[in-house]
PDB file of N, CA and C in Angstrom:
ATOM      1  N   UNK A   1       1.082  -1.026  -0.021  1.00  0.00           N
ATOM      2  CA  UNK A   1      -0.271   0.191   0.136  1.00  0.00           C
ATOM      3  C   UNK A   1       0.795   1.128   0.261  1.00  0.00           C
ATOM      4  N   UNK A   2       1.179   1.598   1.253  1.00  0.00           N
ATOM      5  CA  UNK A   2       2.275   2.448   1.609  1.00  0.00           C
ATOM      6  C   UNK A   2       3.467   2.521   2.823  1.00  0.00           C
ATOM      7  N   UNK A   3       4.121   3.450   2.310  1.00  0.00           N
ATOM      8  CA  UNK A   3       4.938   3.499   3.624  1.00  0.00           C
ATOM      9  C   UNK A   3       4.479   4.245   5.122  1.00  0.00           C
ATOM     10  N   UNK A   4       5.297   4.058   5.992  1.00  0.00           N
ATOM     11  CA  UNK A   4       4.888   4.630   7.086  1.00  0.00           C
ATOM     12  C   UNK A   4       4.311   6.106   7.317  1.00  0.00           C
ATOM     13  N   UNK A   5       5.359   6.940   6.535  1.00  0.00           N
ATOM     14  CA  UNK A   5       4.827   8.091   6.406  1.00  0.00           C
ATOM     15  C   UNK A   5       4.085   8.939   5.413  1.00  0.00           C
ATOM     16  N   UNK A   6       3.761   7.698   4.394  1.00  0.00           N
ATOM     17  CA  UNK A   6       2.552   8.352   3.385  1.00  0.00           C
ATOM     18  C   UNK A   6       0.977   7.957   3.986  1.00  0.00           C
ATOM     19  N   UNK A   7       1.063   7.509   5.335  1.00  0.00           N
ATOM     20  CA  UNK A   7      -0.374   6.806   5.690  1.00  0.00           C
ATOM     21  C   UNK A   7      -0.728   7.972   6.485  1.00  0.00           C
ATOM     22  N   UNK A   8      -2.014   7.927   6.266  1.00  0.00           N
ATOM     23  CA  UNK A   8      -3.006   9.015   7.290  1.00  0.00           C
ATOM     24  C   UNK A   8      -3.708   8.396   8.264  1.00  0.00           C
ATOM     25  N   UNK A   9      -4.357   8.966   9.071  1.00  0.00           N
ATOM     26  CA  UNK A   9      -5.187   8.236   9.932  1.00  0.00           C
ATOM     27  C   UNK A   9      -6.503   8.888   9.261  1.00  0.00           C
ATOM     28  N   UNK A  10      -7.418   8.201  10.035  1.00  0.00           N
ATOM     29  CA  UNK A  10      -8.859   9.035   9.309  1.00  0.00           C
ATOM     30  C   UNK A  10      -9.317  10.170   9.847  1.00  0.00           C
ATOM     31  N   UNK A  11      -9.010  10.768  11.304  1.00  0.00           N
ATOM     32  CA  UNK A  11      -8.798  12.063  11.540  1.00  0.00           C
ATOM     33  C   UNK A  11      -8.349  13.178  10.609  1.00  0.00           C
ATOM     34  N   UNK A  12      -6.809  12.506  10.394  1.00  0.00           N
ATOM     35  CA  UNK A  12      -6.025  13.557   9.159  1.00  0.00           C
ATOM     36  C   UNK A  12      -6.943  13.852   7.663  1.00  0.00           C
ATOM     37  N   UNK A  13      -7.529  12.527   7.138  1.00  0.00           N
ATOM     38  CA  UNK A  13      -8.186  12.996   6.178  1.00  0.00           C
ATOM     39  C   UNK A  13      -9.237  13.589   6.298  1.00  0.00           C
ATOM     40  N   UNK A  14     -10.182  13.370   7.210  1.00  0.00           N
ATOM     41  CA  UNK A  14     -11.098  13.662   7.500  1.00  0.00           C
ATOM     42  C   UNK A  14     -11.020  15.380   7.250  1.00  0.00           C
ATOM     43  N   UNK A  15     -10.127  15.861   8.158  1.00  0.00           N
ATOM     44  CA  UNK A  15      -9.764  17.310   8.191  1.00  0.00           C
ATOM     45  C   UNK A  15      -9.409  17.533   6.575  1.00  0.00           C
ATOM     46  N   UNK A  16      -8.403  17.009   5.775  1.00  0.00           N
ATOM     47  CA  UNK A  16      -8.415  17.197   4.868  1.00  0.00           C
ATOM     48  C   UNK A  16      -9.341  17.582   3.272  1.00  0.00           C
ATOM     49  N   UNK A  17     -10.571  16.989   3.975  1.00  0.00           N
ATOM     50  CA  UNK A  17     -11.645  16.472   3.026  1.00  0.00           C
ATOM     51  C   UNK A  17     -12.427  17.542   3.189  1.00  0.00           C
ATOM     52  N   UNK A  18     -12.531  17.998   4.511  1.00  0.00           N
ATOM     53  CA  UNK A  18     -13.531  18.751   5.296  1.00  0.00           C
ATOM     54  C   UNK A  18     -14.745  18.248   5.360  1.00  0.00           C
ATOM     55  N   UNK A  19     -14.836  16.891   6.211  1.00  0.00           N
ATOM     56  CA  UNK A  19     -15.631  16.045   6.509  1.00  0.00           C
ATOM     57  C   UNK A  19     -15.525  15.441   7.841  1.00  0.00           C
ATOM     58  N   UNK A  20     -16.191  14.481   8.494  1.00  0.00           N
ATOM     59  CA  UNK A  20     -15.890  14.068   9.744  1.00  0.00           C
ATOM     60  C   UNK A  20     -15.215  12.826   9.480  1.00  0.00           C
ATOM     61  N   UNK A  21     -14.687  12.424  10.556  1.00  0.00           N
ATOM     62  CA  UNK A  21     -14.171  11.194  10.930  1.00  0.00           C
ATOM     63  C   UNK A  21     -14.930   9.834  10.770  1.00  0.00           C
ATOM     64  N   UNK A  22     -15.962  10.260  10.864  1.00  0.00           N
ATOM     65  CA  UNK A  22     -17.007   8.909  11.391  1.00  0.00           C
ATOM     66  C   UNK A  22     -17.357   8.936   9.094  1.00  0.00           C
ATOM     67  N   UNK A  23     -17.328  10.099   8.429  1.00  0.00           N
ATOM     68  CA  UNK A  23     -17.671   9.942   7.106  1.00  0.00           C
ATOM     69  C   UNK A  23     -16.387   9.326   6.420  1.00  0.00           C
ATOM     70  N   UNK A  24     -15.083   9.355   6.983  1.00  0.00           N
ATOM     71  CA  UNK A  24     -14.116   9.072   6.275  1.00  0.00           C
ATOM     72  C   UNK A  24     -14.059   7.379   6.838  1.00  0.00           C
ATOM     73  N   UNK A  25     -14.514   6.657   8.058  1.00  0.00           N
ATOM     74  CA  UNK A  25     -14.660   5.719   8.354  1.00  0.00           C
ATOM     75  C   UNK A  25     -15.524   4.595   7.591  1.00  0.00           C
ATOM     76  N   UNK A  26     -16.794   5.631   6.980  1.00  0.00           N
ATOM     77  CA  UNK A  26     -17.838   5.020   6.332  1.00  0.00           C
ATOM     78  C   UNK A  26     -17.406   5.016   5.195  1.00  0.00           C
ATOM     79  N   UNK A  27     -16.746   5.761   4.199  1.00  0.00           N
ATOM     80  CA  UNK A  27     -16.366   5.457   3.433  1.00  0.00           C
ATOM     81  C   UNK A  27     -15.247   4.267   3.194  1.00  0.00           C
ATOM     82  N   UNK A  28     -14.519   4.074   4.084  1.00  0.00           N
ATOM     83  CA  UNK A  28     -13.309   3.193   4.207  1.00  0.00           C
ATOM     84  C   UNK A  28     -14.389   1.738   4.002  1.00  0.00           C
ATOM     85  N   UNK A  29     -15.148   1.754   4.603  1.00  0.00           N
ATOM     86  CA  UNK A  29     -16.170   0.339   5.084  1.00  0.00           C
ATOM     87  C   UNK A  29     -16.752   0.302   3.543  1.00  0.00           C
ATOM     88  N   UNK A  30     -17.524   1.200   3.355  1.00  0.00           N
ATOM     89  CA  UNK A  30     -18.330   0.975   1.897  1.00  0.00           C
ATOM     90  C   UNK A  30     -17.160   0.126   0.515  1.00  0.00           C
ATOM     91  N   UNK A  31     -15.961   0.768   0.903  1.00  0.00           N
ATOM     92  CA  UNK A  31     -15.205   0.011   0.043  1.00  0.00           C
ATOM     93  C   UNK A  31     -14.646   1.515  -1.292  1.00  0.00           C
ATOM     94  N   UNK A  32     -14.982   2.738  -0.720  1.00  0.00           N
ATOM     95  CA  UNK A  32     -15.057   3.899  -1.467  1.00  0.00           C
ATOM     96  C   UNK A  32     -13.609   4.632  -1.238  1.00  0.00           C
ATOM     97  N   UNK A  33     -12.985   3.958  -0.199  1.00  0.00           N
ATOM     98  CA  UNK A  33     -11.594   4.289   0.058  1.00  0.00           C
ATOM     99  C   UNK A  33     -10.695   3.554   0.377  1.00  0.00           C
ATOM    100  N   UNK A  34      -9.369   3.111  -0.090  1.00  0.00           N
ATOM    101  CA  UNK A  34      -8.657   1.823   0.397  1.00  0.00           C
ATOM    102  C   UNK A  34      -7.884   2.423   1.457  1.00  0.00           C
ATOM    103  N   UNK A  35      -7.871   1.156   2.577  1.00  0.00           N
ATOM    104  CA  UNK A  35      -7.213   1.627   3.636  1.00  0.00           C
ATOM    105  C   UNK A  35      -6.425   0.418   4.156  1.00  0.00           C
ATOM    106  N   UNK A  36      -5.455   0.483   4.880  1.00  0.00           N
ATOM    107  CA  UNK A  36      -4.907  -0.629   5.574  1.00  0.00           C
ATOM    108  C   UNK A  36      -5.142  -0.394   7.272  1.00  0.00           C
ATOM    109  N   UNK A  37      -5.114  -1.766   7.938  1.00  0.00           N
ATOM    110  CA  UNK A  37      -5.170  -1.727   9.247  1.00  0.00           C
ATOM    111  C   UNK A  37      -3.916  -2.044   9.811  1.00  0.00           C
ATOM    112  N   UNK A  38      -3.877  -0.747  10.680  1.00  0.00           N
ATOM    113  CA  UNK A  38      -2.356  -1.099  11.762  1.00  0.00           C
ATOM    114  C   UNK A  38      -2.892  -1.020  13.150  1.00  0.00           C
ATOM    115  N   UNK A  39      -2.905  -2.177  13.845  1.00  0.00           N
ATOM    116  CA  UNK A  39      -3.482  -2.960  14.820  1.00  0.00           C
ATOM    117  C   UNK A  39      -5.255  -2.600  14.453  1.00  0.00           C
ATOM    118  N   UNK A  40      -5.743  -1.833  15.328  1.00  0.00           N
ATOM    119  CA  UNK A  40      -7.368  -2.036  15.076  1.00  0.00           C
ATOM    120  C   UNK A  40      -7.706  -0.681  14.648  1.00  0.00           C
ATOM    121  N   UNK A  41      -6.599   0.109  14.179  1.00  0.00           N
ATOM    122  CA  UNK A  41      -7.092   1.778  13.571  1.00  0.00           C
ATOM    123  C   UNK A  41      -6.892   1.479  12.075  1.00  0.00           C
ATOM    124  N   UNK A  42      -7.447   2.074  11.338  1.00  0.00           N
ATOM    125  CA  UNK A  42      -7.222   2.246   9.779  1.00  0.00           C
ATOM    126  C   UNK A  42      -6.632   3.554   9.124  1.00  0.00           C
ATOM    127  N   UNK A  43      -5.733   3.251   8.360  1.00  0.00           N
ATOM    128  CA  UNK A  43      -4.756   4.087   7.831  1.00  0.00           C
ATOM    129  C   UNK A  43      -5.048   4.464   6.741  1.00  0.00           C
ATOM    130  N   UNK A  44      -4.792   5.657   5.975  1.00  0.00           N
ATOM    131  CA  UNK A  44      -5.204   5.566   4.219  1.00  0.00           C
ATOM    132  C   UNK A  44      -4.212   6.389   3.699  1.00  0.00           C
ATOM    133  N   UNK A  45      -3.907   5.473   2.854  1.00  0.00           N
ATOM    134  CA  UNK A  45      -2.776   6.382   1.437  1.00  0.00           C
ATOM    135  C   UNK A  45      -2.347   7.763   1.283  1.00  0.00           C
ATOM    136  N   UNK A  46      -1.765   8.622   1.590  1.00  0.00           N
ATOM    137  CA  UNK A  46      -1.940  10.199   1.089  1.00  0.00           C
ATOM    138  C   UNK A  46      -2.460   9.782  -0.655  1.00  0.00           C
ATOM    139  N   UNK A  47      -1.501   9.005  -1.381  1.00  0.00           N
ATOM    140  CA  UNK A  47      -2.498   9.193  -2.881  1.00  0.00           C
ATOM    141  C   UNK A  47      -3.725   8.995  -3.016  1.00  0.00           C
ATOM    142  N   UNK A  48      -4.523   8.073  -1.764  1.00  0.00           N
ATOM    143  CA  UNK A  48      -6.025   8.139  -1.879  1.00  0.00           C
ATOM    144  C   UNK A  48      -6.202   9.400  -1.441  1.00  0.00           C
ATOM    145  N   UNK A  49      -6.072  10.172  -0.587  1.00  0.00           N
ATOM    146  CA  UNK A  49      -6.444  11.477  -0.309  1.00  0.00           C
ATOM    147  C   UNK A  49      -6.194  12.203  -1.486  1.00  0.00           C
ATOM    148  N   UNK A  50      -4.970  12.491  -2.188  1.00  0.00           N
ATOM    149  CA  UNK A  50      -5.215  13.408  -3.191  1.00  0.00           C
ATOM    150  C   UNK A  50      -5.626  12.982  -4.229  1.00  0.00           C
ATOM    151  N   UNK A  51      -6.059  11.817  -4.521  1.00  0.00           N
ATOM    152  CA  UNK A  51      -7.230  11.596  -5.646  1.00  0.00           C
ATOM    153  C   UNK A  51      -8.613  12.127  -5.443  1.00  0.00           C
ATOM    154  N   UNK A  52      -8.978  11.677  -4.267  1.00  0.00           N
ATOM    155  CA  UNK A  52      -9.954  12.315  -3.696  1.00  0.00           C
ATOM    156  C   UNK A  52     -10.103  14.129  -3.950  1.00  0.00           C
ATOM    157  N   UNK A  53      -9.378  14.847  -3.615  1.00  0.00           N
ATOM    158  CA  UNK A  53      -9.131  15.983  -3.561  1.00  0.00           C
ATOM    159  C   UNK A  53      -9.224  16.773  -5.041  1.00  0.00           C
ATOM    160  N   UNK A  54      -8.921  15.810  -6.003  1.00  0.00           N
ATOM    161  CA  UNK A  54      -8.799  16.257  -7.355  1.00  0.00           C
ATOM    162  C   UNK A  54      -9.942  16.607  -7.908  1.00  0.00           C
ATOM    163  N   UNK A  55     -10.166  17.475  -9.011  1.00  0.00           N
ATOM    164  CA  UNK A  55     -11.401  17.849  -9.466  1.00  0.00           C
ATOM    165  C   UNK A  55     -11.872  16.691 -10.208  1.00  0.00           C
ATOM    166  N   UNK A  56     -13.406  16.553  -9.893  1.00  0.00           N
ATOM    167  CA  UNK A  56     -14.120  15.693 -10.622  1.00  0.00           C
ATOM    168  C   UNK A  56     -13.932  15.910 -11.949  1.00  0.00           C
ATOM    169  N   UNK A  57     -14.619  14.630 -12.949  1.00  0.00           N
ATOM    170  CA  UNK A  57     -14.784  14.750 -14.622  1.00  0.00           C
ATOM    171  C   UNK A  57     -15.320  15.882 -14.758  1.00  0.00           C
ATOM    172  N   UNK A  58     -14.856  16.564 -16.016  1.00  0.00           N
ATOM    173  CA  UNK A  58     -15.820  17.553 -16.444  1.00  0.00           C
ATOM    174  C   UNK A  58     -17.067  17.498 -16.568  1.00  0.00           C
ATOM    175  N   UNK A  59     -18.075  18.548 -16.757  1.00  0.00           N
ATOM    176  CA  UNK A  59     -19.262  18.461 -16.975  1.00  0.00           C
ATOM    177  C   UNK A  59     -19.573  18.172 -18.412  1.00  0.00           C
ATOM    178  N   UNK A  60     -20.588  17.264 -18.574  1.00  0.00           N
ATOM    179  CA  UNK A  60     -21.059  17.326 -19.907  1.00  0.00           C
ATOM    180  C   UNK A  60     -21.926  18.104 -20.437  1.00  0.00           C
ATOM    181  N   UNK A  61     -21.810  18.527 -21.890  1.00  0.00           N
ATOM    182  CA  UNK A  61     -22.485  19.770 -22.530  1.00  0.00           C
ATOM    183  C   UNK A  61     -24.166  20.218 -22.191  1.00  0.00           C
ATOM    184  N   UNK A  62     -24.681  18.866 -21.751  1.00  0.00           N
ATOM    185  CA  UNK A  62     -26.044  18.917 -20.986  1.00  0.00           C
ATOM    186  C   UNK A  62     -26.153  19.495 -19.732  1.00  0.00           C
ATOM    187  N   UNK A  63     -25.070  19.036 -19.092  1.00  0.00           N
ATOM    188  CA  UNK A  63     -24.927  19.460 -17.562  1.00  0.00           C
ATOM    189  C   UNK A  63     -24.403  21.016 -17.546  1.00  0.00           C
ATOM    190  N   UNK A  64     -23.751  21.259 -18.387  1.00  0.00           N
ATOM    191  CA  UNK A  64     -23.535  22.925 -18.423  1.00  0.00           C
ATOM    192  C   UNK A  64     -24.758  23.722 -18.845  1.00  0.00           C
ATOM    193  N   UNK A  65     -25.416  23.347 -20.301  1.00  0.00           N
ATOM    194  CA  UNK A  65     -26.595  23.996 -20.497  1.00  0.00           C
ATOM    195  C   UNK A  65     -27.331  24.168 -19.347  1.00  0.00           C
ATOM    196  N   UNK A  66     -27.582  23.243 -18.484  1.00  0.00           N
ATOM    197  CA  UNK A  66     -28.531  22.755 -17.128  1.00  0.00           C
ATOM    198  C   UNK A  66     -28.114  23.909 -16.352  1.00  0.00           C
ATOM    199  N   UNK A  67     -27.237  23.932 -15.701  1.00  0.00           N
ATOM    200  CA  UNK A  67     -26.076  24.441 -14.896  1.00  0.00           C
ATOM    201  C   UNK A  67     -26.132  26.326 -15.208  1.00  0.00           C
ATOM    202  N   UNK A  68     -26.129  26.451 -16.683  1.00  0.00           N
ATOM    203  CA  UNK A  68     -26.150  28.063 -17.028  1.00  0.00           C
ATOM    204  C   UNK A  68     -27.532  28.190 -16.663  1.00  0.00           C
ATOM    205  N   UNK A  69     -28.447  27.366 -17.448  1.00  0.00           N
ATOM    206  CA  UNK A  69     -30.219  27.721 -17.028  1.00  0.00           C
ATOM    207  C   UNK A  69     -30.278  28.387 -15.722  1.00  0.00           C
ATOM    208  N   UNK A  70     -29.948  27.499 -14.633  1.00  0.00           N
ATOM    209  CA  UNK A  70     -30.160  27.399 -13.062  1.00  0.00           C
ATOM    210  C   UNK A  70     -29.614  28.504 -12.745  1.00  0.00           C
ATOM    211  N   UNK A  71     -28.393  29.143 -13.452  1.00  0.00           N
ATOM    212  CA  UNK A  71     -27.606  30.030 -12.498  1.00  0.00           C
ATOM    213  C   UNK A  71     -28.309  31.543 -13.495  1.00  0.00           C
ATOM    214  N   UNK A  72     -29.075  31.262 -14.458  1.00  0.00           N
ATOM    215  CA  UNK A  72     -29.924  32.240 -14.974  1.00  0.00           C
ATOM    216  C   UNK A  72     -30.989  32.845 -14.472  1.00  0.00           C
ATOM    217  N   UNK A  73     -31.693  31.610 -14.100  1.00  0.00           N
ATOM    218  CA  UNK A  73     -32.799  32.134 -13.212  1.00  0.00           C
ATOM    219  C   UNK A  73     -32.899  32.044 -11.940  1.00  0.00           C
ATOM    220  N   UNK A  74     -31.557  31.729 -11.569  1.00  0.00           N
ATOM    221  CA  UNK A  74     -31.273  32.222  -9.979  1.00  0.00           C
ATOM    222  C   UNK A  74     -31.321  33.680  -9.822  1.00  0.00           C
ATOM    223  N   UNK A  75     -29.948  33.651 -10.612  1.00  0.00           N
ATOM    224  CA  UNK A  75     -29.643  35.307 -11.028  1.00  0.00           C
ATOM    225  C   UNK A  75     -30.739  36.441 -11.266  1.00  0.00           C
ATOM    226  N   UNK A  76     -31.754  35.978 -11.764  1.00  0.00           N
ATOM    227  CA  UNK A  76     -32.715  37.047 -12.194  1.00  0.00           C
ATOM    228  C   UNK A  76     -33.587  37.347 -10.432  1.00  0.00           C
ATOM    229  N   UNK A  77     -33.872  36.016  -9.952  1.00  0.00           N
ATOM    230  CA  UNK A  77     -34.246  35.843  -8.860  1.00  0.00           C
ATOM    231  C   UNK A  77     -33.776  36.671  -7.984  1.00  0.00           C
ATOM    232  N   UNK A  78     -32.711  36.986  -7.662  1.00  0.00           N
ATOM    233  CA  UNK A  78     -31.865  37.560  -6.726  1.00  0.00           C
ATOM    234  C   UNK A  78     -31.841  38.998  -7.087  1.00  0.00           C
ATOM    235  N   UNK A  79     -31.750  39.390  -8.206  1.00  0.00           N
ATOM    236  CA  UNK A  79     -31.830  40.421  -8.808  1.00  0.00           C
ATOM    237  C   UNK A  79     -33.355  41.336  -8.628  1.00  0.00           C
ATOM    238  N   UNK A  80     -34.567  40.681  -8.868  1.00  0.00           N
ATOM    239  CA  UNK A  80     -35.500  41.153  -8.592  1.00  0.00           C
ATOM    240  C   UNK A  80     -36.353  40.172  -8.391  1.00  0.00           C
ATOM    241  N   UNK A  81     -36.713  39.734  -7.153  1.00  0.00           N
ATOM    242  CA  UNK A  81     -37.444  38.460  -6.995  1.00  0.00           C
ATOM    243  C   UNK A  81     -38.834  39.137  -7.145  1.00  0.00           C
ATOM    244  N   UNK A  82     -39.310  40.405  -6.829  1.00  0.00           N
ATOM    245  CA  UNK A  82     -40.857  40.694  -7.108  1.00  0.00           C
ATOM    246  C   UNK A  82     -41.384  40.107  -8.635  1.00  0.00           C
ATOM    247  N   UNK A  83     -39.594  40.632  -9.633  1.00  0.00           N
ATOM    248  CA  UNK A  83     -41.033  40.413 -10.860  1.00  0.00           C
ATOM    249  C   UNK A  83     -40.657  39.182 -11.401  1.00  0.00           C
ATOM    250  N   UNK A  84     -39.908  38.367 -10.606  1.00  0.00           N
ATOM    251  CA  UNK A  84     -40.141  36.855 -11.332  1.00  0.00           C
ATOM    252  C   UNK A  84     -40.891  36.292 -10.255  1.00  0.00           C
ATOM    253  N   UNK A  85     -41.496  36.667  -9.188  1.00  0.00           N
ATOM    254  CA  UNK A  85     -42.570  36.030  -8.676  1.00  0.00           C
ATOM    255  C   UNK A  85     -43.909  36.352  -9.322  1.00  0.00           C
ATOM    256  N   UNK A  86     -43.987  37.744  -9.944  1.00  0.00           N
ATOM    257  CA  UNK A  86     -44.798  37.990 -10.731  1.00  0.00           C
ATOM    258  C   UNK A  86     -45.302  37.228 -11.958  1.00  0.00           C
ATOM    259  N   UNK A  87     -44.331  37.131 -12.526  1.00  0.00           N
ATOM    260  CA  UNK A  87     -44.110  36.519 -14.016  1.00  0.00           C
ATOM    261  C   UNK A  87     -44.702  35.011 -13.717  1.00  0.00           C
ATOM    262  N   UNK A  88     -44.164  34.383 -12.533  1.00  0.00           N
ATOM    263  CA  UNK A  88     -44.502  32.717 -12.357  1.00  0.00           C
ATOM    264  C   UNK A  88     -46.226  32.772 -12.087  1.00  0.00           C
ATOM    265  N   UNK A  89     -46.729  34.126 -11.174  1.00  0.00           N
ATOM    266  CA  UNK A  89     -47.716  34.156 -10.820  1.00  0.00           C
ATOM    267  C   UNK A  89     -48.872  34.373 -12.105  1.00  0.00           C
ATOM    268  N   UNK A  90     -48.397  35.211 -12.786  1.00  0.00           N
ATOM    269  CA  UNK A  90     -49.118  34.911 -14.098  1.00  0.00           C
ATOM    270  C   UNK A  90     -49.338  34.236 -14.900  1.00  0.00           C
ATOM    271  N   UNK A  91     -48.077  33.403 -15.337  1.00  0.00           N
ATOM    272  CA  UNK A  91     -47.953  32.155 -16.061  1.00  0.00           C
ATOM    273  C   UNK A  91     -48.916  30.947 -15.297  1.00  0.00           C
ATOM    274  N   UNK A  92     -49.070  30.872 -14.441  1.00  0.00           N
ATOM    275  CA  UNK A  92     -49.599  29.763 -13.059  1.00  0.00           C
ATOM    276  C   UNK A  92     -51.030  29.925 -13.586  1.00  0.00           C
ATOM    277  N   UNK A  93     -51.392  31.451 -13.176  1.00  0.00           N
ATOM    278  CA  UNK A  93     -52.816  31.701 -13.278  1.00  0.00           C
ATOM    279  C   UNK A  93     -53.560  31.386 -14.699  1.00  0.00           C
ATOM    280  N   UNK A  94     -52.675  31.718 -16.001  1.00  0.00           N
ATOM    281  CA  UNK A  94     -53.134  31.370 -17.214  1.00  0.00           C
ATOM    282  C   UNK A  94     -53.264  29.633 -17.638  1.00  0.00           C
ATOM    283  N   UNK A  95     -52.713  28.895 -17.024  1.00  0.00           N
ATOM    284  CA  UNK A  95     -52.305  27.828 -16.788  1.00  0.00           C
ATOM    285  C   UNK A  95     -53.643  27.046 -16.234  1.00  0.00           C
ATOM    286  N   UNK A  96     -54.171  27.757 -14.995  1.00  0.00           N
ATOM    287  CA  UNK A  96     -54.972  27.109 -14.722  1.00  0.00           C
ATOM    288  C   UNK A  96     -56.256  26.975 -14.745  1.00  0.00           C
TER     289      UNK A  96
END
């Protein structure tokens, strides 16, 4: 797996990932995070943590389009919530 200097405790990994120690333990138990047992303690290789910290796969074209649409709608809502609410009310009233 890795040498002693490259191994991290579940607490150290949790701090690096910004999660709880229990969440790291759960990831280990579900097989999402490779670990080694040292006595009764789990140790996670540094490269495993670095893999989790790397940016995920890029979004697909459809995902980017959907994200853009949501940002546009949310931006209008934040800028002028009364206008957006009025538009929604008018549209839902004409459909009913």
